[in-house]
Amino acid sequence: MLQLILASAFFLGVHLGISGTPLRSWLIARYGEKTYRLGFSVAASLGLVWLVFAWRQAPYVLLWGSPNTFRYLAVLLMPVAFYLGVAALTTKNPALQTELPAEPCAHGVLRITRHPLMWGIALWAGLHLLANGDLAAAIFFGTFLVLAVKGSFDLDRKRRQDGGERWQRYLEVTSNLPFQAILEGRQKLIWRELGGWQIVLALALYGGLLHAHARLFGVAPLG
C-alpha cells in the first residue's frame, strides 16, 4: 500500500505542485516552454504508469465493499461522465485558449460548466471510488478526484492571472461548479446546444466500454 500512496503523492505533486503554480512560470522562464512541456509530459506519464501499476499490486483492504446501490448508481451516471468528456473534447472552450476572443461566450456544455472535462473525470472517479469500496481503489480513484476538482480551480486561477478583463467577462456568464451559473440566473440551459451527435457518441462509447469492462478490467459492472 505504501507504493500506491507514494505513486499518488508523486502524480498529484507533478500536476498540482507544478502546473498552475508559480513554479511552472519559473521553470518555463529558466528552461523554455518546449523543454518544460517535454519534461512535464514525461513526468506525468511516468507518474500515471506508476500509479496504475501500484494500484494493481496493492493488497485488498475492505472498506465498505461493493453494494449494489453504488454499482448501479455508477452504471446510471457514467453516461453523464462520458458526455462531459466527449463534449469537452469537441467544443471550443475559451477557458483553454491561449488568448481569449474579444467577446468570449459560452455555448453548449460550457453553459453548464466552463471545465466539463475536469468534472467528467471527477464524476468518473467519484462513482468508481464508491462502487469499489476498498482502500486501494479509494486512493487510486481519490487521486483523480482530487486532481480534477482542484485542477479546475487551478485553471481558473491561472486564467485570472493571464486573461485580464476578457477573462473576467467570461467568468461573469459561466461557472466552474456545474449548473451554478444557471441556478444563479447568469446563464441559461439551451438543450438544443448540447449536441445530439455528442450524446449519441458518448452513449456508443459508454455502451462499448460497459460491454468490454469485464474483459478489460476483470469486473462486470452489472454483476
Protein backbone atom coordinates (compact mmCIF):
# COMPACT_ATOMS: atom_id res chain seq x y z
CA MET A 1 0.00 0.00 0.00
CA LEU A 2 2.95 2.30 0.64
CA GLN A 3 3.94 2.21 -3.02
CA LEU A 4 0.42 3.28 -4.03
CA ILE A 5 0.49 6.17 -1.55
CA LEU A 6 3.86 7.31 -2.90
CA ALA A 7 2.67 6.99 -6.51
CA SER A 8 -0.43 9.01 -5.71
CA ALA A 9 1.65 11.70 -3.99
CA PHE A 10 4.03 11.87 -6.95
CA PHE A 11 1.22 12.06 -9.52
CA LEU A 12 -0.59 14.80 -7.61
CA GLY A 13 2.65 16.61 -6.92
CA VAL A 14 3.56 16.75 -10.61
CA HIS A 15 0.18 18.23 -11.51
CA LEU A 16 -0.88 20.30 -8.53
CA GLY A 17 2.60 21.22 -7.35
CA ILE A 18 3.85 22.40 -10.75
CA SER A 19 1.11 23.05 -13.29
CA GLY A 20 -0.92 26.14 -12.44
CA THR A 21 1.57 27.32 -9.80
CA PRO A 22 4.36 29.94 -9.78
CA LEU A 23 6.83 27.05 -10.12
CA ARG A 24 5.54 26.43 -13.64
CA SER A 25 6.32 30.01 -14.66
CA TRP A 26 9.77 29.78 -13.09
CA LEU A 27 10.59 26.54 -14.92
CA ILE A 28 9.43 27.98 -18.25
CA ALA A 29 11.49 31.12 -17.72
CA ARG A 30 14.56 29.08 -16.83
CA TYR A 31 14.35 26.21 -19.34
CA GLY A 32 11.95 27.41 -22.04
CA GLU A 33 8.39 26.41 -23.00
CA LYS A 34 9.33 23.37 -25.12
CA THR A 35 11.68 21.89 -22.54
CA TYR A 36 9.13 22.43 -19.78
CA ARG A 37 6.35 20.78 -21.77
CA LEU A 38 8.55 17.80 -22.60
CA GLY A 39 9.69 17.36 -19.02
CA PHE A 40 6.19 17.74 -17.63
CA SER A 41 4.76 15.23 -20.14
CA VAL A 42 7.43 12.66 -19.27
CA ALA A 43 6.94 13.13 -15.52
CA ALA A 44 3.15 12.99 -15.78
CA SER A 45 3.25 9.86 -17.98
CA LEU A 46 5.67 8.08 -15.64
CA GLY A 47 3.51 9.09 -12.70
CA LEU A 48 0.40 7.66 -14.33
CA VAL A 49 2.11 4.36 -15.19
CA TRP A 50 3.46 4.08 -11.64
CA LEU A 51 0.05 4.87 -10.15
CA VAL A 52 -1.74 2.20 -12.22
CA PHE A 53 0.96 -0.39 -11.51
CA ALA A 54 0.91 0.35 -7.78
CA TRP A 55 -2.88 0.08 -7.69
CA ARG A 56 -2.78 -3.31 -9.41
CA GLN A 57 -0.19 -4.56 -6.92
CA ALA A 58 -1.83 -3.16 -3.79
CA PRO A 59 -3.44 -5.57 -1.32
CA TYR A 60 -7.21 -5.65 -0.95
CA VAL A 61 -8.33 -3.90 2.22
CA LEU A 62 -12.11 -3.84 2.62
CA LEU A 63 -13.78 -0.55 3.50
CA TRP A 64 -17.48 -0.63 2.61
CA GLY A 65 -17.38 -3.26 -0.13
CA SER A 66 -19.33 -3.06 -3.39
CA PRO A 67 -23.02 -2.64 -2.52
CA ASN A 68 -25.43 -2.89 -5.44
CA THR A 69 -26.66 0.64 -4.76
CA PHE A 70 -23.28 2.17 -5.61
CA ARG A 71 -22.65 -0.16 -8.55
CA TYR A 72 -26.00 0.64 -10.14
CA LEU A 73 -25.51 4.35 -9.43
CA ALA A 74 -22.24 4.17 -11.36
CA VAL A 75 -23.90 2.40 -14.28
CA LEU A 76 -26.65 5.02 -14.29
CA LEU A 77 -24.47 8.13 -14.09
CA MET A 78 -21.38 7.10 -16.07
CA PRO A 79 -23.06 8.16 -19.37
CA VAL A 80 -23.04 11.70 -17.97
CA ALA A 81 -19.29 11.45 -17.37
CA PHE A 82 -18.81 10.18 -20.93
CA TYR A 83 -20.91 13.02 -22.31
CA LEU A 84 -18.93 15.63 -20.39
CA GLY A 85 -15.72 14.15 -21.76
CA VAL A 86 -16.94 13.95 -25.36
CA ALA A 87 -18.48 17.43 -25.25
CA ALA A 88 -15.33 18.89 -23.70
CA LEU A 89 -13.13 17.45 -26.44
CA THR A 90 -15.43 18.56 -29.27
CA THR A 91 -16.42 22.04 -28.06
CA LYS A 92 -14.19 25.08 -28.50
CA ASN A 93 -13.58 26.28 -24.96
CA PRO A 94 -12.37 29.86 -24.36
CA ALA A 95 -11.02 28.75 -20.97
CA LEU A 96 -8.42 26.59 -22.71
CA GLN A 97 -7.40 29.00 -25.46
CA THR A 98 -4.03 30.73 -25.34
CA GLU A 99 -5.78 34.05 -25.92
CA LEU A 100 -9.43 34.73 -25.20
CA PRO A 101 -11.53 36.14 -28.03
CA ALA A 102 -12.67 39.76 -27.76
CA GLU A 103 -16.12 38.67 -26.54
CA PRO A 104 -15.79 35.18 -25.01
CA CYS A 105 -19.13 33.42 -24.74
CA ALA A 106 -20.43 30.09 -23.50
CA HIS A 107 -22.07 27.56 -25.81
CA GLY A 108 -23.47 24.09 -25.27
CA VAL A 109 -21.95 22.21 -22.36
CA LEU A 110 -19.98 25.35 -21.38
CA ARG A 111 -23.24 26.85 -20.17
CA ILE A 112 -23.21 24.11 -17.50
CA THR A 113 -19.53 24.38 -16.55
CA ARG A 114 -16.51 26.00 -18.14
CA HIS A 115 -14.45 22.91 -17.25
CA PRO A 116 -16.53 19.94 -18.49
CA LEU A 117 -13.56 17.59 -18.89
CA MET A 118 -12.44 18.10 -15.30
CA TRP A 119 -15.93 17.43 -13.97
CA GLY A 120 -16.33 14.41 -16.25
CA ILE A 121 -13.15 12.95 -14.75
CA ALA A 122 -14.32 13.88 -11.25
CA LEU A 123 -17.65 12.13 -11.79
CA TRP A 124 -15.93 9.03 -13.19
CA ALA A 125 -13.51 8.91 -10.26
CA GLY A 126 -16.15 9.54 -7.61
CA LEU A 127 -18.50 6.88 -8.94
CA HIS A 128 -15.74 4.28 -9.17
CA LEU A 129 -14.49 5.15 -5.71
CA LEU A 130 -17.95 4.48 -4.28
CA ALA A 131 -18.56 1.34 -6.36
CA ASN A 132 -15.31 -0.40 -5.39
CA GLY A 133 -15.22 0.21 -1.65
CA ASP A 134 -11.66 -0.88 -0.85
CA LEU A 135 -8.65 1.11 0.35
CA ALA A 136 -6.56 0.80 -2.80
CA ALA A 137 -9.44 1.92 -5.01
CA ALA A 138 -10.16 4.82 -2.65
CA ILE A 139 -6.56 6.02 -3.00
CA PHE A 140 -6.42 5.42 -6.76
CA PHE A 141 -9.73 6.99 -7.76
CA GLY A 142 -9.45 9.57 -4.99
CA THR A 143 -6.24 10.77 -6.62
CA PHE A 144 -8.08 11.54 -9.86
CA LEU A 145 -11.00 13.07 -7.98
CA VAL A 146 -8.72 15.48 -6.13
CA LEU A 147 -6.75 16.23 -9.30
CA ALA A 148 -9.86 17.03 -11.35
CA VAL A 149 -11.64 19.19 -8.77
CA LYS A 150 -8.53 21.04 -7.60
CA GLY A 151 -7.33 21.32 -11.19
CA SER A 152 -10.49 23.12 -12.27
CA PHE A 153 -9.88 25.83 -9.67
CA ASP A 154 -6.19 26.00 -10.59
CA LEU A 155 -7.13 26.59 -14.24
CA ASP A 156 -9.37 29.44 -13.17
CA ARG A 157 -6.62 30.98 -11.08
CA LYS A 158 -4.15 30.73 -13.96
CA ARG A 159 -6.59 32.33 -16.40
CA ARG A 160 -7.34 35.15 -13.96
CA GLN A 161 -3.65 36.00 -13.99
CA ASP A 162 -3.36 35.86 -17.79
CA GLY A 163 -6.81 36.75 -19.10
CA GLY A 164 -7.46 40.18 -17.64
CA GLU A 165 -10.75 41.90 -18.40
CA ARG A 166 -11.79 39.41 -21.10
CA TRP A 167 -11.50 36.53 -18.68
CA GLN A 168 -13.48 38.45 -16.08
CA ARG A 169 -16.34 38.85 -18.57
CA TYR A 170 -16.27 35.12 -19.26
CA LEU A 171 -16.35 34.40 -15.51
CA GLU A 172 -19.47 36.53 -15.18
CA VAL A 173 -21.50 34.35 -17.57
CA THR A 174 -20.12 30.91 -16.67
CA SER A 175 -19.32 28.84 -13.60
CA ASN A 176 -16.77 26.25 -12.60
CA LEU A 177 -19.23 24.29 -10.45
CA PRO A 178 -21.75 22.58 -12.75
CA PHE A 179 -25.08 24.44 -13.06
CA GLN A 180 -24.07 27.20 -10.62
CA ALA A 181 -24.32 29.99 -13.22
CA ILE A 182 -27.68 28.63 -14.41
CA LEU A 183 -29.09 28.45 -10.89
CA GLU A 184 -27.88 31.99 -10.19
CA GLY A 185 -29.52 33.31 -13.36
CA ARG A 186 -26.24 34.27 -15.04
CA GLN A 187 -26.68 31.63 -17.73
CA LYS A 188 -29.41 29.62 -19.48
CA LEU A 189 -29.51 25.94 -20.31
CA ILE A 190 -30.31 25.56 -24.01
CA TRP A 191 -31.00 21.89 -24.67
CA ARG A 192 -30.57 22.05 -28.44
CA GLU A 193 -26.98 23.23 -27.97
CA LEU A 194 -25.98 20.12 -26.03
CA GLY A 195 -25.25 18.30 -29.28
CA GLY A 196 -27.32 15.33 -30.35
CA TRP A 197 -24.34 13.69 -32.06
CA GLN A 198 -22.22 14.23 -28.97
CA ILE A 199 -24.81 12.45 -26.85
CA VAL A 200 -25.01 9.57 -29.35
CA LEU A 201 -21.21 9.26 -29.47
CA ALA A 202 -20.95 9.32 -25.68
CA LEU A 203 -23.61 6.62 -25.33
CA ALA A 204 -21.93 4.49 -28.01
CA LEU A 205 -18.54 4.74 -26.31
CA TYR A 206 -20.11 4.02 -22.93
CA GLY A 207 -22.00 1.00 -24.28
CA GLY A 208 -18.85 -0.40 -25.83
CA LEU A 209 -16.83 0.03 -22.66
CA LEU A 210 -19.63 -1.38 -20.50
CA HIS A 211 -19.71 -4.47 -22.73
CA ALA A 212 -15.94 -4.92 -22.61
CA HIS A 213 -15.44 -3.84 -18.98
CA ALA A 214 -15.17 -7.36 -17.57
CA ARG A 215 -12.60 -8.41 -20.17
CA LEU A 216 -10.54 -5.24 -19.84
CA PHE A 217 -10.65 -4.73 -16.07
CA GLY A 218 -11.85 -8.03 -14.64
CA VAL A 219 -15.02 -6.50 -13.15
CA ALA A 220 -18.57 -6.81 -14.51
CA PRO A 221 -20.42 -3.57 -13.62
CA LEU A 222 -23.80 -5.25 -13.89
CA GLY A 223 -22.75 -8.27 -11.87
